[in-house]
PDB file of N, CA and C in Angstrom:
ATOM      1  N   MET A   1       0.845  -1.183   0.000  1.00  0.00           N
ATOM      2  CA  MET A   1       0.000   0.000   0.000  1.00  0.00           C
ATOM      3  C   MET A   1       0.883   1.236   0.000  1.00  0.00           C
ATOM      4  N   GLN A   2       0.530   2.223  -0.834  1.00  0.00           N
ATOM      5  CA  GLN A   2       1.328   3.426  -0.973  1.00  0.00           C
ATOM      6  C   GLN A   2       1.108   4.367   0.213  1.00  0.00           C
ATOM      7  N   GLU A   3       2.202   4.872   0.767  1.00  0.00           N
ATOM      8  CA  GLU A   3       2.122   5.799   1.882  1.00  0.00           C
ATOM      9  C   GLU A   3       1.724   7.176   1.360  1.00  0.00           C
ATOM     10  N   VAL A   4       0.794   7.822   2.051  1.00  0.00           N
ATOM     11  CA  VAL A   4       0.297   9.128   1.633  1.00  0.00           C
ATOM     12  C   VAL A   4       1.089  10.220   2.343  1.00  0.00           C
ATOM     13  N   ASP A   5       1.633  11.146   1.559  1.00  0.00           N
ATOM     14  CA  ASP A   5       2.333  12.302   2.100  1.00  0.00           C
ATOM     15  C   ASP A   5       1.292  13.398   2.306  1.00  0.00           C
ATOM     16  N   GLN A   6       1.041  13.742   3.549  1.00  0.00           N
ATOM     17  CA  GLN A   6      -0.002  14.712   3.886  1.00  0.00           C
ATOM     18  C   GLN A   6       0.249  16.064   3.212  1.00  0.00           C
ATOM     19  N   ASN A   7       1.487  16.491   3.133  1.00  0.00           N
ATOM     20  CA  ASN A   7       1.795  17.763   2.484  1.00  0.00           C
ATOM     21  C   ASN A   7       1.446  17.730   1.003  1.00  0.00           C
ATOM     22  N   GLN A   8       1.683  16.599   0.351  1.00  0.00           N
ATOM     23  CA  GLN A   8       1.336  16.478  -1.066  1.00  0.00           C
ATOM     24  C   GLN A   8      -0.178  16.539  -1.265  1.00  0.00           C
ATOM     25  N   VAL A   9      -0.913  15.930  -0.371  1.00  0.00           N
ATOM     26  CA  VAL A   9      -2.373  15.954  -0.457  1.00  0.00           C
ATOM     27  C   VAL A   9      -2.872  17.384  -0.269  1.00  0.00           C
ATOM     28  N   ILE A  10      -2.330  18.092   0.697  1.00  0.00           N
ATOM     29  CA  ILE A  10      -2.732  19.481   0.949  1.00  0.00           C
ATOM     30  C   ILE A  10      -2.414  20.347  -0.262  1.00  0.00           C
ATOM     31  N   GLU A  11      -1.232  20.189  -0.823  1.00  0.00           N
ATOM     32  CA  GLU A  11      -0.844  20.979  -1.995  1.00  0.00           C
ATOM     33  C   GLU A  11      -1.747  20.669  -3.185  1.00  0.00           C
ATOM     34  N   LYS A  12      -2.083  19.397  -3.351  1.00  0.00           N
ATOM     35  CA  LYS A  12      -2.951  18.981  -4.445  1.00  0.00           C
ATOM     36  C   LYS A  12      -4.334  19.605  -4.294  1.00  0.00           C
ATOM     37  N   MET A  13      -4.896  19.536  -3.110  1.00  0.00           N
ATOM     38  CA  MET A  13      -6.208  20.115  -2.870  1.00  0.00           C
ATOM     39  C   MET A  13      -6.171  21.629  -3.044  1.00  0.00           C
ATOM     40  N   GLN A  14      -5.093  22.246  -2.629  1.00  0.00           N
ATOM     41  CA  GLN A  14      -4.943  23.690  -2.782  1.00  0.00           C
ATOM     42  C   GLN A  14      -4.961  24.072  -4.260  1.00  0.00           C
ATOM     43  N   ARG A  15      -4.226  23.334  -5.093  1.00  0.00           N
ATOM     44  CA  ARG A  15      -4.212  23.604  -6.532  1.00  0.00           C
ATOM     45  C   ARG A  15      -5.599  23.418  -7.138  1.00  0.00           C
ATOM     46  N   ILE A  16      -6.284  22.379  -6.721  1.00  0.00           N
ATOM     47  CA  ILE A  16      -7.615  22.095  -7.243  1.00  0.00           C
ATOM     48  C   ILE A  16      -8.600  23.186  -6.835  1.00  0.00           C
ATOM     49  N   LEU A  17      -8.588  23.565  -5.561  1.00  0.00           N
ATOM     50  CA  LEU A  17      -9.494  24.614  -5.092  1.00  0.00           C
ATOM     51  C   LEU A  17      -9.218  25.933  -5.788  1.00  0.00           C
ATOM     52  N   THR A  18      -7.950  26.279  -5.943  1.00  0.00           N
ATOM     53  CA  THR A  18      -7.578  27.524  -6.610  1.00  0.00           C
ATOM     54  C   THR A  18      -8.062  27.522  -8.057  1.00  0.00           C
ATOM     55  N   GLY A  19      -7.758  26.457  -8.766  1.00  0.00           N
ATOM     56  CA  GLY A  19      -8.166  26.376 -10.166  1.00  0.00           C
ATOM     57  C   GLY A  19      -9.669  26.402 -10.334  1.00  0.00           C
ATOM     58  N   ARG A  20     -10.356  25.646  -9.503  1.00  0.00           N
ATOM     59  CA  ARG A  20     -11.811  25.552  -9.619  1.00  0.00           C
ATOM     60  C   ARG A  20     -12.481  26.866  -9.261  1.00  0.00           C
ATOM     61  N   LEU A  21     -12.027  27.518  -8.198  1.00  0.00           N
ATOM     62  CA  LEU A  21     -12.586  28.804  -7.794  1.00  0.00           C
ATOM     63  C   LEU A  21     -12.426  29.823  -8.919  1.00  0.00           C
ATOM     64  N   ASN A  22     -11.240  29.916  -9.465  1.00  0.00           N
ATOM     65  CA  ASN A  22     -10.983  30.879 -10.541  1.00  0.00           C
ATOM     66  C   ASN A  22     -11.789  30.552 -11.791  1.00  0.00           C
ATOM     67  N   GLN A  23     -11.905  29.260 -12.107  1.00  0.00           N
ATOM     68  CA  GLN A  23     -12.687  28.837 -13.268  1.00  0.00           C
ATOM     69  C   GLN A  23     -14.155  29.214 -13.107  1.00  0.00           C
ATOM     70  N   LEU A  24     -14.730  28.909 -11.956  1.00  0.00           N
ATOM     71  CA  LEU A  24     -16.141  29.197 -11.726  1.00  0.00           C
ATOM     72  C   LEU A  24     -16.413  30.701 -11.692  1.00  0.00           C
ATOM     73  N   CYS A  25     -15.517  31.452 -11.071  1.00  0.00           N
ATOM     74  CA  CYS A  25     -15.678  32.918 -11.054  1.00  0.00           C
ATOM     75  C   CYS A  25     -15.667  33.460 -12.481  1.00  0.00           C
ATOM     76  N   HIS A  26     -14.731  32.991 -13.269  1.00  0.00           N
ATOM     77  CA  HIS A  26     -14.615  33.447 -14.655  1.00  0.00           C
ATOM     78  C   HIS A  26     -15.859  33.056 -15.463  1.00  0.00           C
ATOM     79  N   ASN A  27     -16.249  31.797 -15.391  1.00  0.00           N
ATOM     80  CA  ASN A  27     -17.375  31.297 -16.175  1.00  0.00           C
ATOM     81  C   ASN A  27     -18.700  31.956 -15.800  1.00  0.00           C
ATOM     82  N   GLN A  28     -18.850  32.279 -14.503  1.00  0.00           N
ATOM     83  CA  GLN A  28     -20.124  32.847 -14.042  1.00  0.00           C
ATOM     84  C   GLN A  28     -20.049  34.360 -13.843  1.00  0.00           C
ATOM     85  N   HIS A  29     -18.924  34.947 -14.218  1.00  0.00           N
ATOM     86  CA  HIS A  29     -18.742  36.404 -14.127  1.00  0.00           C
ATOM     87  C   HIS A  29     -19.005  36.921 -12.714  1.00  0.00           C
ATOM     88  N   ILE A  30     -18.377  36.254 -11.742  1.00  0.00           N
ATOM     89  CA  ILE A  30     -18.512  36.633 -10.338  1.00  0.00           C
ATOM     90  C   ILE A  30     -17.152  37.141  -9.861  1.00  0.00           C
ATOM     91  N   SER A  31     -17.116  38.340  -9.342  1.00  0.00           N
ATOM     92  CA  SER A  31     -15.863  38.887  -8.819  1.00  0.00           C
ATOM     93  C   SER A  31     -15.578  38.273  -7.453  1.00  0.00           C
ATOM     94  N   LEU A  32     -14.343  38.369  -7.025  1.00  0.00           N
ATOM     95  CA  LEU A  32     -13.986  37.852  -5.706  1.00  0.00           C
ATOM     96  C   LEU A  32     -14.743  38.601  -4.614  1.00  0.00           C
ATOM     97  N   GLN A  33     -14.921  39.896  -4.803  1.00  0.00           N
ATOM     98  CA  GLN A  33     -15.668  40.696  -3.827  1.00  0.00           C
ATOM     99  C   GLN A  33     -17.117  40.234  -3.736  1.00  0.00           C
ATOM    100  N   ASP A  34     -17.729  39.990  -4.891  1.00  0.00           N
ATOM    101  CA  ASP A  34     -19.110  39.523  -4.911  1.00  0.00           C
ATOM    102  C   ASP A  34     -19.225  38.128  -4.306  1.00  0.00           C
ATOM    103  N   LEU A  35     -18.270  37.273  -4.629  1.00  0.00           N
ATOM    104  CA  LEU A  35     -18.257  35.922  -4.060  1.00  0.00           C
ATOM    105  C   LEU A  35     -18.174  35.984  -2.542  1.00  0.00           C
ATOM    106  N   SER A  36     -17.316  36.835  -2.034  1.00  0.00           N
ATOM    107  CA  SER A  36     -17.166  36.996  -0.589  1.00  0.00           C
ATOM    108  C   SER A  36     -18.479  37.457   0.038  1.00  0.00           C
ATOM    109  N   ARG A  37     -19.068  38.477  -0.546  1.00  0.00           N
ATOM    110  CA  ARG A  37     -20.312  39.030  -0.014  1.00  0.00           C
ATOM    111  C   ARG A  37     -21.435  37.992  -0.032  1.00  0.00           C
ATOM    112  N   ARG A  38     -21.562  37.278  -1.136  1.00  0.00           N
ATOM    113  CA  ARG A  38     -22.655  36.325  -1.289  1.00  0.00           C
ATOM    114  C   ARG A  38     -22.451  35.050  -0.475  1.00  0.00           C
ATOM    115  N   SER A  39     -21.212  34.671  -0.238  1.00  0.00           N
ATOM    116  CA  SER A  39     -20.935  33.418   0.480  1.00  0.00           C
ATOM    117  C   SER A  39     -20.787  33.610   1.987  1.00  0.00           C
ATOM    118  N   GLY A  40     -20.419  34.819   2.396  1.00  0.00           N
ATOM    119  CA  GLY A  40     -20.136  35.050   3.810  1.00  0.00           C
ATOM    120  C   GLY A  40     -18.720  34.657   4.198  1.00  0.00           C
ATOM    121  N   VAL A  41     -17.904  34.295   3.217  1.00  0.00           N
ATOM    122  CA  VAL A  41     -16.493  33.977   3.439  1.00  0.00           C
ATOM    123  C   VAL A  41     -15.716  35.281   3.273  1.00  0.00           C
ATOM    124  N   SER A  42     -14.810  35.551   4.182  1.00  0.00           N
ATOM    125  CA  SER A  42     -14.104  36.826   4.134  1.00  0.00           C
ATOM    126  C   SER A  42     -13.380  37.023   2.808  1.00  0.00           C
ATOM    127  N   LEU A  43     -13.293  38.272   2.383  1.00  0.00           N
ATOM    128  CA  LEU A  43     -12.605  38.595   1.138  1.00  0.00           C
ATOM    129  C   LEU A  43     -11.147  38.159   1.212  1.00  0.00           C
ATOM    130  N   SER A  44     -10.546  38.300   2.362  1.00  0.00           N
ATOM    131  CA  SER A  44      -9.157  37.873   2.542  1.00  0.00           C
ATOM    132  C   SER A  44      -9.002  36.381   2.256  1.00  0.00           C
ATOM    133  N   THR A  45      -9.897  35.578   2.777  1.00  0.00           N
ATOM    134  CA  THR A  45      -9.842  34.131   2.557  1.00  0.00           C
ATOM    135  C   THR A  45     -10.093  33.795   1.089  1.00  0.00           C
ATOM    136  N   VAL A  46     -11.081  34.430   0.481  1.00  0.00           N
ATOM    137  CA  VAL A  46     -11.384  34.180  -0.930  1.00  0.00           C
ATOM    138  C   VAL A  46     -10.177  34.539  -1.794  1.00  0.00           C
ATOM    139  N   ARG A  47      -9.547  35.668  -1.512  1.00  0.00           N
ATOM    140  CA  ARG A  47      -8.362  36.077  -2.280  1.00  0.00           C
ATOM    141  C   ARG A  47      -7.214  35.081  -2.102  1.00  0.00           C
ATOM    142  N   LYS A  48      -7.009  34.631  -0.871  1.00  0.00           N
ATOM    143  CA  LYS A  48      -5.935  33.665  -0.620  1.00  0.00           C
ATOM    144  C   LYS A  48      -6.173  32.370  -1.387  1.00  0.00           C
ATOM    145  N   ILE A  49      -7.402  31.896  -1.405  1.00  0.00           N
ATOM    146  CA  ILE A  49      -7.716  30.679  -2.157  1.00  0.00           C
ATOM    147  C   ILE A  49      -7.468  30.926  -3.638  1.00  0.00           C
ATOM    148  N   SER A  50      -7.934  32.066  -4.132  1.00  0.00           N
ATOM    149  CA  SER A  50      -7.784  32.412  -5.546  1.00  0.00           C
ATOM    150  C   SER A  50      -6.320  32.493  -5.968  1.00  0.00           C
ATOM    151  N   GLN A  51      -5.463  32.904  -5.055  1.00  0.00           N
ATOM    152  CA  GLN A  51      -4.036  33.061  -5.341  1.00  0.00           C
ATOM    153  C   GLN A  51      -3.228  31.817  -4.971  1.00  0.00           C
ATOM    154  N   GLY A  52      -3.900  30.796  -4.455  1.00  0.00           N
ATOM    155  CA  GLY A  52      -3.205  29.566  -4.084  1.00  0.00           C
ATOM    156  C   GLY A  52      -2.403  29.690  -2.799  1.00  0.00           C
ATOM    157  N   ARG A  53      -2.762  30.641  -1.951  1.00  0.00           N
ATOM    158  CA  ARG A  53      -2.005  30.854  -0.715  1.00  0.00           C
ATOM    159  C   ARG A  53      -2.710  30.321   0.524  1.00  0.00           C
ATOM    160  N   HIS A  54      -3.878  29.767   0.386  1.00  0.00           N
ATOM    161  CA  HIS A  54      -4.633  29.312   1.559  1.00  0.00           C
ATOM    162  C   HIS A  54      -4.607  27.794   1.608  1.00  0.00           C
ATOM    163  N   CYS A  55      -3.996  27.218   2.618  1.00  0.00           N
ATOM    164  CA  CYS A  55      -3.848  25.758   2.639  1.00  0.00           C
ATOM    165  C   CYS A  55      -4.743  25.072   3.657  1.00  0.00           C
ATOM    166  N   ASN A  56      -5.572  25.812   4.376  1.00  0.00           N
ATOM    167  CA  ASN A  56      -6.401  25.189   5.403  1.00  0.00           C
ATOM    168  C   ASN A  56      -7.866  25.544   5.174  1.00  0.00           C
ATOM    169  N   VAL A  57      -8.386  25.153   4.033  1.00  0.00           N
ATOM    170  CA  VAL A  57      -9.775  25.432   3.692  1.00  0.00           C
ATOM    171  C   VAL A  57     -10.633  24.294   4.217  1.00  0.00           C
ATOM    172  N   GLY A  58     -11.537  24.614   5.106  1.00  0.00           N
ATOM    173  CA  GLY A  58     -12.406  23.601   5.679  1.00  0.00           C
ATOM    174  C   GLY A  58     -13.631  23.348   4.812  1.00  0.00           C
ATOM    175  N   ILE A  59     -14.331  22.288   5.120  1.00  0.00           N
ATOM    176  CA  ILE A  59     -15.512  21.900   4.356  1.00  0.00           C
ATOM    177  C   ILE A  59     -16.590  22.980   4.439  1.00  0.00           C
ATOM    178  N   ALA A  60     -16.685  23.697   5.558  1.00  0.00           N
ATOM    179  CA  ALA A  60     -17.692  24.756   5.690  1.00  0.00           C
ATOM    180  C   ALA A  60     -17.474  25.841   4.642  1.00  0.00           C
ATOM    181  N   VAL A  61     -16.226  26.188   4.370  1.00  0.00           N
ATOM    182  CA  VAL A  61     -15.911  27.196   3.349  1.00  0.00           C
ATOM    183  C   VAL A  61     -16.263  26.655   1.972  1.00  0.00           C
ATOM    184  N   VAL A  62     -15.918  25.420   1.697  1.00  0.00           N
ATOM    185  CA  VAL A  62     -16.239  24.805   0.399  1.00  0.00           C
ATOM    186  C   VAL A  62     -17.753  24.793   0.187  1.00  0.00           C
ATOM    187  N   ILE A  63     -18.503  24.480   1.202  1.00  0.00           N
ATOM    188  CA  ILE A  63     -19.971  24.453   1.101  1.00  0.00           C
ATOM    189  C   ILE A  63     -20.504  25.847   0.791  1.00  0.00           C
ATOM    190  N   LYS A  64     -20.012  26.849   1.505  1.00  0.00           N
ATOM    191  CA  LYS A  64     -20.472  28.224   1.273  1.00  0.00           C
ATOM    192  C   LYS A  64     -20.152  28.685  -0.149  1.00  0.00           C
ATOM    193  N   LEU A  65     -18.943  28.410  -0.607  1.00  0.00           N
ATOM    194  CA  LEU A  65     -18.545  28.828  -1.947  1.00  0.00           C
ATOM    195  C   LEU A  65     -19.328  28.079  -3.013  1.00  0.00           C
ATOM    196  N   SER A  66     -19.471  26.768  -2.840  1.00  0.00           N
ATOM    197  CA  SER A  66     -20.166  25.971  -3.848  1.00  0.00           C
ATOM    198  C   SER A  66     -21.625  26.408  -3.969  1.00  0.00           C
ATOM    199  N   HIS A  67     -22.221  26.796  -2.867  1.00  0.00           N
ATOM    200  CA  HIS A  67     -23.616  27.252  -2.881  1.00  0.00           C
ATOM    201  C   HIS A  67     -23.780  28.470  -3.795  1.00  0.00           C
ATOM    202  N   VAL A  68     -22.857  29.413  -3.732  1.00  0.00           N
ATOM    203  CA  VAL A  68     -22.921  30.609  -4.576  1.00  0.00           C
ATOM    204  C   VAL A  68     -22.872  30.238  -6.056  1.00  0.00           C
ATOM    205  N   PHE A  69     -22.037  29.259  -6.387  1.00  0.00           N
ATOM    206  CA  PHE A  69     -21.888  28.850  -7.779  1.00  0.00           C
ATOM    207  C   PHE A  69     -22.996  27.908  -8.259  1.00  0.00           C
ATOM    208  N   GLY A  70     -23.834  27.446  -7.332  1.00  0.00           N
ATOM    209  CA  GLY A  70     -24.918  26.544  -7.704  1.00  0.00           C
ATOM    210  C   GLY A  70     -24.450  25.132  -7.990  1.00  0.00           C
ATOM    211  N   VAL A  71     -23.372  24.722  -7.324  1.00  0.00           N
ATOM    212  CA  VAL A  71     -22.853  23.364  -7.476  1.00  0.00           C
ATOM    213  C   VAL A  71     -22.762  22.720  -6.094  1.00  0.00           C
ATOM    214  N   THR A  72     -22.693  21.412  -6.079  1.00  0.00           N
ATOM    215  CA  THR A  72     -22.503  20.709  -4.814  1.00  0.00           C
ATOM    216  C   THR A  72     -21.025  20.788  -4.423  1.00  0.00           C
ATOM    217  N   PRO A  73     -20.711  20.574  -3.160  1.00  0.00           N
ATOM    218  CA  PRO A  73     -19.299  20.558  -2.769  1.00  0.00           C
ATOM    219  C   PRO A  73     -18.482  19.540  -3.557  1.00  0.00           C
ATOM    220  N   SER A  74     -19.077  18.389  -3.867  1.00  0.00           N
ATOM    221  CA  SER A  74     -18.328  17.388  -4.635  1.00  0.00           C
ATOM    222  C   SER A  74     -18.117  17.831  -6.075  1.00  0.00           C
ATOM    223  N   GLN A  75     -19.034  18.628  -6.613  1.00  0.00           N
ATOM    224  CA  GLN A  75     -18.827  19.189  -7.947  1.00  0.00           C
ATOM    225  C   GLN A  75     -17.766  20.289  -7.907  1.00  0.00           C
ATOM    226  N   PHE A  76     -17.739  21.029  -6.804  1.00  0.00           N
ATOM    227  CA  PHE A  76     -16.737  22.084  -6.647  1.00  0.00           C
ATOM    228  C   PHE A  76     -15.341  21.471  -6.650  1.00  0.00           C
ATOM    229  N   VAL A  77     -15.182  20.388  -5.899  1.00  0.00           N
ATOM    230  CA  VAL A  77     -13.914  19.657  -5.891  1.00  0.00           C
ATOM    231  C   VAL A  77     -14.110  18.488  -6.852  1.00  0.00           C
ATOM    232  N   ASP A  78     -14.060  18.780  -8.110  1.00  0.00           N
ATOM    233  CA  ASP A  78     -14.374  17.865  -9.201  1.00  0.00           C
ATOM    234  C   ASP A  78     -13.474  16.629  -9.180  1.00  0.00           C
ATOM    235  N   GLU A  79     -14.083  15.445  -9.200  1.00  0.00           N
ATOM    236  CA  GLU A  79     -13.311  14.202  -9.189  1.00  0.00           C
ATOM    237  C   GLU A  79     -12.378  14.093 -10.385  1.00  0.00           C
ATOM    238  N   ASN A  80     -12.779  14.640 -11.527  1.00  0.00           N
ATOM    239  CA  ASN A  80     -11.917  14.599 -12.705  1.00  0.00           C
ATOM    240  C   ASN A  80     -10.622  15.369 -12.470  1.00  0.00           C
ATOM    241  N   LEU A  81     -10.722  16.463 -11.720  1.00  0.00           N
ATOM    242  CA  LEU A  81      -9.520  17.224 -11.389  1.00  0.00           C
ATOM    243  C   LEU A  81      -8.603  16.413 -10.478  1.00  0.00           C
ATOM    244  N   LEU A  82      -9.206  15.686  -9.552  1.00  0.00           N
ATOM    245  CA  LEU A  82      -8.404  14.843  -8.663  1.00  0.00           C
ATOM    246  C   LEU A  82      -7.672  13.769  -9.457  1.00  0.00           C
ATOM    247  N   ARG A  83      -8.363  13.146 -10.403  1.00  0.00           N
ATOM    248  CA  ARG A  83      -7.755  12.104 -11.221  1.00  0.00           C
ATOM    249  C   ARG A  83      -6.665  12.686 -12.113  1.00  0.00           C
ATOM    250  N   ALA A  84      -6.908  13.858 -12.681  1.00  0.00           N
ATOM    251  CA  ALA A  84      -5.913  14.501 -13.545  1.00  0.00           C
ATOM    252  C   ALA A  84      -4.655  14.831 -12.756  1.00  0.00           C
ATOM    253  N   GLU A  85      -4.821  15.266 -11.527  1.00  0.00           N
ATOM    254  CA  GLU A  85      -3.675  15.577 -10.664  1.00  0.00           C
ATOM    255  C   GLU A  85      -2.855  14.323 -10.383  1.00  0.00           C
ATOM    256  N   ASP A  86      -3.541  13.177 -10.274  1.00  0.00           N
ATOM    257  CA  ASP A  86      -2.837  11.939  -9.981  1.00  0.00           C
ATOM    258  C   ASP A  86      -1.901  11.493 -11.114  1.00  0.00           C
ATOM    259  N   LYS A  87      -2.140  11.987 -12.318  1.00  0.00           N
ATOM    260  CA  LYS A  87      -1.338  11.596 -13.466  1.00  0.00           C
ATOM    261  C   LYS A  87      -0.007  12.325 -13.515  1.00  0.00           C
ATOM    262  N   PHE A  88       0.158  13.354 -12.718  1.00  0.00           N
ATOM    263  CA  PHE A  88       1.408  14.139 -12.749  1.00  0.00           C
ATOM    264  C   PHE A  88       2.441  13.601 -11.796  1.00  0.00           C
TER     265      PHE A  88
END
């Protein structure tokens, strides 16, 4: 069984969250300020996620953000992105 490096998992999730957040904002024409206001997640946290600088995003934040975009948390953290990351 392969040993899981916790830091690698955190970095992988961070890349996925950053990419997905930016993609959804772009596709739905939602600014970071608007996302913050509508989700109740601080603008500082939203900006950090968008810039790939936030490594401790809890499920509550993912739920709040996904709700604004009209997707489920599992759609927000798209399984295809997880699989694509595994190929690198």
